[in-house]
Amino acid sequence: MTTTEAPVKHDYDRIPYLVAYQNNSAVRDVYGGVAELVVLESYLLRPKDKPSDTVLVFMHPIGGGAYLPMINALARAGHHVIYCNSRFRGTDSALLMEKVVEDLGECIKDAKNRLGYDKVVLAGWSGGGSLSVFYQQQAQKSTVTASPSGDGPDLTTLDLIPADGIMLLAAHISRHGTMTEWMDASILDENDPSKRDPELDLYNPDNPNQPPYTPEFLQRYHDAQVARNRRITKWVKEKLAELKAAGRPDDEFAFVVHGSMADPRWLDPTVDPNERQPGTCYLGDPQVVNMSPVGLARFCTLRSWLSQWSYDDANADAVAAGPDIAVPTLVIGNRADDACTPSHTHRLFDAIGCPDKELHEIDGANHYYSGPQQRDALGRAVAICTDWLSRQGFGR
């Protein structure tokens, strides 16, 4: 008879701190605070009785995950963890992914130079996954000199420090790829979202195309999603050119993107199947979310659209950047995830170029490991991370 020892639980300190550095941007990204500085609100979760030469660094483009179950559980398991919010904490209407890479770079420099960690493992949760892969690609060999609109920063001048490993946790392939898969393909007029193609309106009970969807309909729908994304991109570029021609090249223009939670997989469990509950997504009822204020890209600006959401122009693409990754990588997918479904997990894993990579999937796990019924799934995920980190020589 064999027995399994219960994992050791460590007490830890949660230490709030700031990463501040000079803001060299020609425009201010947020209002409030000291305008000439970029200030990143951060937390160091440090076990009281377990020193380490390695820290796990989490960042999401819009932050907000410092108290997620996984963050706390990793610290409780004895890992040193940083959760660093980007400058765009809580809002992405003017977000440039290239500026988020700059923020992540400053966090890593601070972790090494001030906090004294020898090794950094990027822990990319959800939208932090594609950010982490894009960051690592550019830190290994920078090539991006501006955002797609031609604005800064020039990543080749930032002396980004490469991470020593990457963990991709319940992650998606990119913000622009995910949002395009979620876009409401039925909307024909961006200024009047009530004008729809009834045969593409997933939430129209009179639509002749109902679950389970045919392969032909799914292809038609996806093509219409991409076409809609490209129509918005075309308008954005024309608007930027119009402003430049009017002698106002630094002006921005805000707009609304309606209908960004109409993915067939939320209604048809046979599309990208996993253990998620049909008729729901991670934000609730997808039909409600589709036109609610919290939908992806709902409130946007021209330059931000090109950097975050443009299907053809955005740089932060984990599938495109993945082949350049040269450090050990762990990919974990959650089998009941109602945001980042299995196709994202497998596309991420397949894209990573480093041969030292592992893929694990957690049965029953939802996107956030939220709820008391998720404790076992969370424990299994943390055990996989702990085992992988140990075998890679991290955390000594």
Protein backbone atom coordinates (compact mmCIF):
# COMPACT_ATOMS: atom_id res chain seq x y z
CA MET A 1 0.00 0.00 0.00
CA THR A 2 1.34 3.42 -0.92
CA THR A 3 0.42 6.75 0.57
CA THR A 4 0.61 10.18 -0.98
CA GLU A 5 1.89 12.96 1.21
CA ALA A 6 -0.21 16.10 1.30
CA PRO A 7 1.55 19.04 -0.31
CA VAL A 8 3.27 21.40 2.09
CA LYS A 9 1.43 24.70 2.48
CA HIS A 10 3.58 27.74 3.01
CA ASP A 11 2.62 30.99 4.67
CA TYR A 12 3.53 33.93 2.49
CA ASP A 13 3.69 37.70 2.57
CA ARG A 14 1.82 39.70 -0.04
CA ILE A 15 3.97 42.79 -0.56
CA PRO A 16 2.54 45.64 -2.65
CA TYR A 17 5.10 47.75 -4.49
CA LEU A 18 5.46 50.02 -7.50
CA VAL A 19 7.59 49.79 -10.61
CA ALA A 20 8.05 53.34 -11.88
CA TYR A 21 9.98 54.54 -14.89
CA GLN A 22 10.20 57.51 -17.21
CA ASN A 23 7.28 57.91 -19.61
CA ASN A 24 8.78 58.67 -23.00
CA SER A 25 5.48 58.41 -24.86
CA ALA A 26 4.38 61.44 -26.87
CA VAL A 27 0.87 60.99 -25.43
CA ARG A 28 -0.41 60.05 -22.00
CA ASP A 29 -2.00 56.62 -21.85
CA VAL A 30 -4.07 57.11 -18.71
CA TYR A 31 -5.23 60.09 -16.70
CA GLY A 32 -4.50 60.66 -13.04
CA GLY A 33 -1.21 60.17 -11.25
CA VAL A 34 2.21 61.53 -12.09
CA ALA A 35 2.04 62.03 -15.85
CA GLU A 36 5.78 61.97 -16.56
CA LEU A 37 6.13 58.48 -15.07
CA VAL A 38 4.73 55.09 -15.95
CA VAL A 39 3.71 53.50 -12.65
CA LEU A 40 2.95 49.78 -12.48
CA GLU A 41 1.07 48.51 -9.43
CA SER A 42 2.63 45.20 -8.43
CA TYR A 43 2.51 42.51 -5.78
CA LEU A 44 5.25 40.16 -4.63
CA LEU A 45 3.94 36.98 -3.01
CA ARG A 46 6.93 35.68 -1.05
CA PRO A 47 6.82 32.50 1.07
CA LYS A 48 8.08 33.24 4.57
CA ASP A 49 10.14 30.09 5.03
CA LYS A 50 11.38 29.26 1.53
CA PRO A 51 13.96 31.45 -0.22
CA SER A 52 14.27 31.09 -3.97
CA ASP A 53 16.44 32.27 -6.83
CA THR A 54 13.42 32.14 -9.18
CA VAL A 55 10.29 34.26 -9.44
CA LEU A 56 7.19 33.61 -11.53
CA VAL A 57 6.02 36.80 -13.25
CA PHE A 58 2.40 37.27 -14.25
CA MET A 59 1.17 40.15 -16.39
CA HIS A 60 -2.05 40.50 -18.37
CA PRO A 61 -2.55 43.38 -20.83
CA ILE A 62 -5.27 44.89 -18.63
CA GLY A 63 -4.18 43.28 -15.36
CA GLY A 64 -6.58 42.58 -12.55
CA GLY A 65 -5.48 39.05 -11.70
CA ALA A 66 -3.45 39.60 -8.53
CA TYR A 67 -5.94 37.66 -6.42
CA LEU A 68 -6.80 34.86 -8.82
CA PRO A 69 -6.87 31.41 -7.20
CA MET A 70 -3.82 30.22 -9.18
CA ILE A 71 -1.67 33.17 -8.05
CA ASN A 72 -2.38 32.51 -4.39
CA ALA A 73 -2.07 28.73 -4.75
CA LEU A 74 1.35 28.94 -6.36
CA ALA A 75 2.61 31.09 -3.47
CA ARG A 76 1.02 28.70 -0.97
CA ALA A 77 2.95 25.89 -2.71
CA GLY A 78 6.23 27.69 -2.01
CA HIS A 79 6.82 29.63 -5.22
CA HIS A 80 7.81 33.27 -5.32
CA VAL A 81 5.27 35.09 -7.49
CA ILE A 82 4.99 38.61 -8.92
CA TYR A 83 1.73 39.90 -10.30
CA CYS A 84 2.42 43.15 -12.11
CA ASN A 85 -0.36 45.25 -13.61
CA SER A 86 0.40 47.02 -16.87
CA ARG A 87 -0.13 50.77 -17.14
CA PHE A 88 -3.53 49.96 -18.69
CA ARG A 89 -4.93 48.36 -15.52
CA GLY A 90 -8.65 47.83 -16.03
CA THR A 91 -9.06 49.53 -19.40
CA ASP A 92 -7.88 48.71 -22.90
CA SER A 93 -9.50 51.47 -24.96
CA ALA A 94 -6.11 53.05 -25.74
CA LEU A 95 -3.90 50.02 -25.09
CA LEU A 96 -0.90 49.33 -27.32
CA MET A 97 0.54 45.84 -26.92
CA GLU A 98 4.03 47.19 -27.61
CA LYS A 99 3.71 49.44 -24.54
CA VAL A 100 2.61 46.45 -22.47
CA VAL A 101 5.78 44.64 -23.57
CA GLU A 102 7.74 47.68 -22.37
CA ASP A 103 5.95 47.47 -19.00
CA LEU A 104 6.68 43.75 -18.67
CA GLY A 105 10.31 44.42 -19.48
CA GLU A 106 10.57 46.99 -16.69
CA CYS A 107 8.98 44.56 -14.24
CA ILE A 108 11.52 41.88 -15.12
CA LYS A 109 14.44 44.31 -14.84
CA ASP A 110 13.18 45.32 -11.39
CA ALA A 111 12.78 41.69 -10.31
CA LYS A 112 16.36 40.94 -11.22
CA ASN A 113 18.16 44.18 -10.41
CA ARG A 114 16.33 45.35 -7.28
CA LEU A 115 14.61 42.26 -5.86
CA GLY A 116 17.62 40.06 -6.63
CA TYR A 117 16.09 37.09 -8.45
CA ASP A 118 18.47 35.21 -10.73
CA LYS A 119 15.80 33.52 -12.83
CA VAL A 120 12.44 34.65 -14.15
CA VAL A 121 9.70 32.37 -15.45
CA LEU A 122 6.94 34.12 -17.37
CA ALA A 123 3.54 32.86 -16.24
CA GLY A 124 1.09 33.78 -18.97
CA TRP A 125 -2.50 33.45 -17.80
CA SER A 126 -5.29 33.82 -20.38
CA GLY A 127 -4.44 36.98 -22.35
CA GLY A 128 -1.09 37.03 -20.59
CA GLY A 129 -0.08 33.95 -22.57
CA SER A 130 0.26 35.59 -25.97
CA LEU A 131 1.81 38.63 -24.26
CA SER A 132 4.45 36.39 -22.66
CA VAL A 133 5.29 34.64 -25.93
CA PHE A 134 5.50 37.95 -27.80
CA TYR A 135 7.67 39.43 -25.05
CA GLN A 136 10.04 36.48 -25.05
CA GLN A 137 10.40 36.54 -28.84
CA GLN A 138 11.29 40.23 -28.75
CA ALA A 139 13.60 39.83 -25.74
CA GLN A 140 15.53 37.08 -27.51
CA LYS A 141 15.84 39.14 -30.70
CA SER A 142 13.96 42.41 -31.02
CA THR A 143 12.52 43.23 -34.44
CA VAL A 144 9.48 45.42 -33.74
CA THR A 145 10.36 49.11 -34.04
CA ALA A 146 6.85 50.56 -33.58
CA SER A 147 3.23 49.66 -33.13
CA PRO A 148 1.25 49.02 -36.35
CA SER A 149 0.16 52.68 -36.48
CA GLY A 150 3.80 53.79 -36.47
CA ASP A 151 3.79 54.96 -32.86
CA GLY A 152 6.24 53.84 -30.20
CA PRO A 153 7.85 52.23 -28.46
CA ASP A 154 10.75 50.85 -30.47
CA LEU A 155 11.27 47.46 -28.82
CA THR A 156 14.75 47.14 -30.32
CA THR A 157 15.99 49.95 -28.02
CA LEU A 158 14.59 48.67 -24.71
CA ASP A 159 17.21 46.06 -23.72
CA LEU A 160 14.51 43.55 -22.86
CA ILE A 161 15.77 40.71 -20.65
CA PRO A 162 14.71 37.23 -21.85
CA ALA A 163 12.95 35.01 -19.36
CA ASP A 164 14.40 31.63 -18.42
CA GLY A 165 11.17 29.70 -18.95
CA ILE A 166 7.50 30.15 -19.84
CA MET A 167 4.30 28.73 -18.40
CA LEU A 168 1.19 29.22 -20.54
CA LEU A 169 -1.85 28.72 -18.31
CA ALA A 170 -5.41 28.67 -19.68
CA ALA A 171 -4.08 30.92 -22.42
CA HIS A 172 -5.30 31.97 -25.85
CA ILE A 173 -3.37 32.54 -29.07
CA SER A 174 -3.74 36.34 -29.27
CA ARG A 175 -6.11 39.16 -28.49
CA HIS A 176 -6.84 39.83 -32.17
CA GLY A 177 -7.26 36.15 -33.03
CA THR A 178 -9.55 35.49 -30.07
CA MET A 179 -11.67 38.58 -30.61
CA THR A 180 -12.11 37.74 -34.29
CA GLU A 181 -13.32 34.25 -33.34
CA TRP A 182 -15.78 35.88 -30.94
CA MET A 183 -17.03 38.65 -33.29
CA ASP A 184 -20.66 38.79 -34.30
CA ALA A 185 -20.42 38.07 -38.02
CA SER A 186 -24.02 39.11 -38.65
CA ILE A 187 -23.44 42.86 -38.11
CA LEU A 188 -23.40 44.64 -41.47
CA ASP A 189 -23.18 48.28 -40.38
CA GLU A 190 -20.79 49.35 -37.60
CA ASN A 191 -22.86 52.51 -37.03
CA ASP A 192 -26.12 50.58 -36.72
CA PRO A 193 -25.66 47.09 -35.23
CA SER A 194 -29.35 46.35 -35.71
CA LYS A 195 -28.62 45.87 -39.41
CA ARG A 196 -27.74 42.19 -39.55
CA ASP A 197 -27.53 39.25 -41.89
CA PRO A 198 -30.31 37.07 -40.41
CA GLU A 199 -28.63 33.86 -41.60
CA LEU A 200 -25.51 34.74 -39.59
CA ASP A 201 -27.28 35.97 -36.47
CA LEU A 202 -26.61 33.22 -33.94
CA TYR A 203 -29.09 34.67 -31.45
CA ASN A 204 -31.97 34.97 -33.92
CA PRO A 205 -34.39 32.08 -33.27
CA ASP A 206 -35.61 32.36 -36.87
CA ASN A 207 -32.13 31.78 -38.26
CA PRO A 208 -32.32 28.56 -40.31
CA ASN A 209 -28.78 27.70 -39.16
CA GLN A 210 -29.06 26.20 -35.70
CA PRO A 211 -26.81 23.94 -33.57
CA PRO A 212 -25.29 21.56 -34.31
CA TYR A 213 -23.80 23.72 -37.04
CA THR A 214 -22.65 22.28 -40.34
CA PRO A 215 -19.00 22.60 -41.39
CA GLU A 216 -20.16 24.73 -44.32
CA PHE A 217 -21.95 27.20 -42.04
CA LEU A 218 -19.00 27.38 -39.64
CA GLN A 219 -16.65 28.23 -42.50
CA ARG A 220 -19.05 30.84 -43.88
CA TYR A 221 -19.42 32.35 -40.42
CA HIS A 222 -15.67 32.49 -39.78
CA ASP A 223 -15.04 34.07 -43.17
CA ALA A 224 -17.62 36.73 -42.31
CA GLN A 225 -15.92 37.36 -38.95
CA VAL A 226 -12.57 37.94 -40.63
CA ALA A 227 -14.19 40.14 -43.27
CA ARG A 228 -15.83 42.27 -40.57
CA ASN A 229 -12.52 42.67 -38.73
CA ARG A 230 -10.88 43.76 -41.98
CA ARG A 231 -13.64 46.27 -42.73
CA ILE A 232 -13.04 47.92 -39.35
CA THR A 233 -9.28 47.92 -39.97
CA LYS A 234 -9.76 49.55 -43.37
CA TRP A 235 -11.91 52.28 -41.83
CA VAL A 236 -9.35 52.81 -39.02
CA LYS A 237 -6.50 53.29 -41.48
CA GLU A 238 -8.58 55.67 -43.58
CA LYS A 239 -9.47 57.68 -40.48
CA LEU A 240 -5.81 57.95 -39.43
CA ALA A 241 -4.89 59.10 -42.93
CA GLU A 242 -7.72 61.64 -42.83
CA LEU A 243 -6.44 63.09 -39.56
CA LYS A 244 -2.91 63.28 -40.90
CA ALA A 245 -4.05 65.00 -44.09
CA ALA A 246 -5.95 67.54 -41.97
CA GLY A 247 -2.72 68.48 -40.19
CA ARG A 248 -3.72 66.68 -36.98
CA PRO A 249 -1.51 63.57 -37.00
CA ASP A 250 -1.48 63.23 -33.19
CA ASP A 251 -5.28 63.24 -32.84
CA GLU A 252 -7.09 60.10 -31.75
CA PHE A 253 -10.65 59.03 -32.47
CA ALA A 254 -12.75 56.85 -30.21
CA PHE A 255 -15.37 54.42 -31.46
CA VAL A 256 -17.53 51.50 -30.38
CA VAL A 257 -17.31 47.92 -31.65
CA HIS A 258 -20.66 46.23 -31.12
CA GLY A 259 -21.19 42.50 -31.00
CA SER A 260 -18.04 40.74 -29.81
CA MET A 261 -19.31 37.59 -28.11
CA ALA A 262 -20.99 35.56 -30.83
CA ASP A 263 -18.78 32.52 -31.19
CA PRO A 264 -20.60 29.39 -32.41
CA ARG A 265 -18.73 27.26 -29.90
CA TRP A 266 -20.65 28.84 -26.99
CA LEU A 267 -23.92 27.52 -28.45
CA ASP A 268 -22.70 24.29 -30.03
CA PRO A 269 -20.64 22.04 -27.72
CA THR A 270 -19.46 19.97 -30.70
CA VAL A 271 -17.39 22.96 -31.93
CA ASP A 272 -13.96 22.84 -30.29
CA PRO A 273 -15.43 20.42 -27.74
CA ASN A 274 -14.49 20.28 -24.09
CA GLU A 275 -16.34 20.00 -20.78
CA ARG A 276 -17.77 23.56 -20.75
CA GLN A 277 -21.49 24.15 -20.16
CA PRO A 278 -23.32 24.87 -23.45
CA GLY A 279 -24.96 28.27 -23.71
CA THR A 280 -22.48 30.04 -21.47
CA CYS A 281 -19.10 31.74 -21.72
CA TYR A 282 -16.68 32.93 -19.07
CA LEU A 283 -18.58 36.24 -18.74
CA GLY A 284 -22.02 34.63 -18.49
CA ASP A 285 -24.77 34.44 -21.10
CA PRO A 286 -22.98 35.10 -24.43
CA GLN A 287 -26.08 36.72 -25.95
CA VAL A 288 -26.09 39.31 -23.16
CA VAL A 289 -22.33 39.77 -23.27
CA ASN A 290 -22.43 40.23 -27.03
CA MET A 291 -23.88 43.73 -26.69
CA SER A 292 -22.84 44.54 -23.12
CA PRO A 293 -20.22 47.14 -22.05
CA VAL A 294 -17.72 44.43 -21.05
CA GLY A 295 -17.29 42.84 -24.49
CA LEU A 296 -13.83 42.74 -26.01
CA ALA A 297 -12.87 45.90 -27.93
CA ARG A 298 -16.21 47.51 -27.04
CA PHE A 299 -14.66 50.94 -26.48
CA CYS A 300 -11.70 51.46 -28.73
CA THR A 301 -9.40 53.96 -30.44
CA LEU A 302 -7.72 53.91 -33.82
CA ARG A 303 -4.17 53.09 -32.80
CA SER A 304 -5.31 50.62 -30.18
CA TRP A 305 -7.42 48.74 -32.71
CA LEU A 306 -4.41 48.20 -34.95
CA SER A 307 -2.18 47.05 -32.08
CA GLN A 308 -4.69 44.89 -30.20
CA TRP A 309 -7.51 43.77 -32.45
CA SER A 310 -6.58 43.98 -36.14
CA TYR A 311 -6.58 40.46 -37.57
CA ASP A 312 -3.81 41.28 -40.06
CA ASP A 313 -1.79 44.03 -38.34
CA ALA A 314 -1.39 43.22 -34.63
CA ASN A 315 2.09 42.05 -33.62
CA ALA A 316 1.36 40.18 -30.40
CA ASP A 317 0.55 36.78 -31.90
CA ALA A 318 1.69 33.71 -29.99
CA VAL A 319 1.32 31.40 -32.99
CA ALA A 320 3.53 33.66 -35.11
CA ALA A 321 6.04 34.31 -32.31
CA GLY A 322 6.05 30.78 -30.90
CA PRO A 323 8.54 29.20 -33.33
CA ASP A 324 11.22 31.63 -32.08
CA ILE A 325 10.87 30.62 -28.43
CA ALA A 326 14.12 29.07 -27.19
CA VAL A 327 13.37 28.38 -23.50
CA PRO A 328 11.54 25.49 -21.78
CA THR A 329 7.78 25.93 -21.97
CA LEU A 330 4.89 24.41 -20.04
CA VAL A 331 1.39 24.61 -21.53
CA ILE A 332 -1.65 23.84 -19.37
CA GLY A 333 -5.18 23.78 -20.77
CA ASN A 334 -8.34 23.62 -18.67
CA ARG A 335 -10.79 21.05 -19.98
CA ALA A 336 -13.92 22.95 -18.84
CA ASP A 337 -12.58 26.34 -19.93
CA ASP A 338 -15.32 28.58 -21.28
CA ALA A 339 -12.92 31.21 -22.63
CA CYS A 340 -9.72 29.57 -23.90
CA THR A 341 -10.82 26.32 -25.49
CA PRO A 342 -8.70 23.29 -26.53
CA SER A 343 -7.87 24.54 -30.02
CA HIS A 344 -6.10 27.52 -28.45
CA THR A 345 -4.17 25.29 -26.06
CA HIS A 346 -3.01 23.00 -28.85
CA ARG A 347 -2.19 25.81 -31.29
CA LEU A 348 -0.02 27.38 -28.60
CA PHE A 349 1.78 24.14 -27.84
CA ASP A 350 2.32 23.29 -31.51
CA ALA A 351 3.71 26.77 -32.20
CA ILE A 352 6.43 26.73 -29.52
CA GLY A 353 9.78 26.16 -31.19
CA CYS A 354 11.75 24.96 -28.18
CA PRO A 355 11.78 21.15 -28.17
CA ASP A 356 11.75 21.17 -24.36
CA LYS A 357 8.00 21.70 -24.02
CA GLU A 358 5.16 19.92 -22.23
CA LEU A 359 1.39 19.91 -22.61
CA HIS A 360 -1.03 19.04 -19.81
CA GLU A 361 -4.82 19.33 -19.63
CA ILE A 362 -6.78 19.53 -16.37
CA ASP A 363 -10.08 17.64 -16.37
CA GLY A 364 -12.98 19.65 -14.96
CA ALA A 365 -11.05 22.91 -14.64
CA ASN A 366 -12.80 26.14 -15.65
CA HIS A 367 -11.03 29.29 -16.79
CA TYR A 368 -10.34 30.79 -13.37
CA TYR A 369 -10.55 27.70 -11.11
CA SER A 370 -13.37 29.67 -9.50
CA GLY A 371 -15.62 28.10 -6.88
CA PRO A 372 -15.05 25.57 -4.09
CA GLN A 373 -15.69 22.67 -6.48
CA GLN A 374 -12.53 23.72 -8.37
CA ARG A 375 -10.10 23.14 -5.51
CA ASP A 376 -9.08 19.69 -6.69
CA ALA A 377 -8.48 20.88 -10.26
CA LEU A 378 -6.48 23.84 -8.95
CA GLY A 379 -4.39 21.52 -6.80
CA ARG A 380 -3.62 19.31 -9.79
CA ALA A 381 -2.59 22.32 -11.89
CA VAL A 382 -0.30 23.65 -9.16
CA ALA A 383 1.25 20.18 -8.73
CA ILE A 384 2.03 20.06 -12.47
CA CYS A 385 3.63 23.52 -12.31
CA THR A 386 5.64 22.59 -9.21
CA ASP A 387 6.90 19.35 -10.75
CA TRP A 388 7.87 21.06 -14.01
CA LEU A 389 9.63 23.93 -12.25
CA SER A 390 11.57 21.46 -10.11
CA ARG A 391 12.65 19.34 -13.06
CA GLN A 392 13.77 22.46 -14.91
CA GLY A 393 15.92 23.55 -11.97
CA PHE A 394 13.85 26.60 -11.08
CA GLY A 395 13.27 27.66 -7.50
CA ARG A 396 16.42 26.42 -5.82
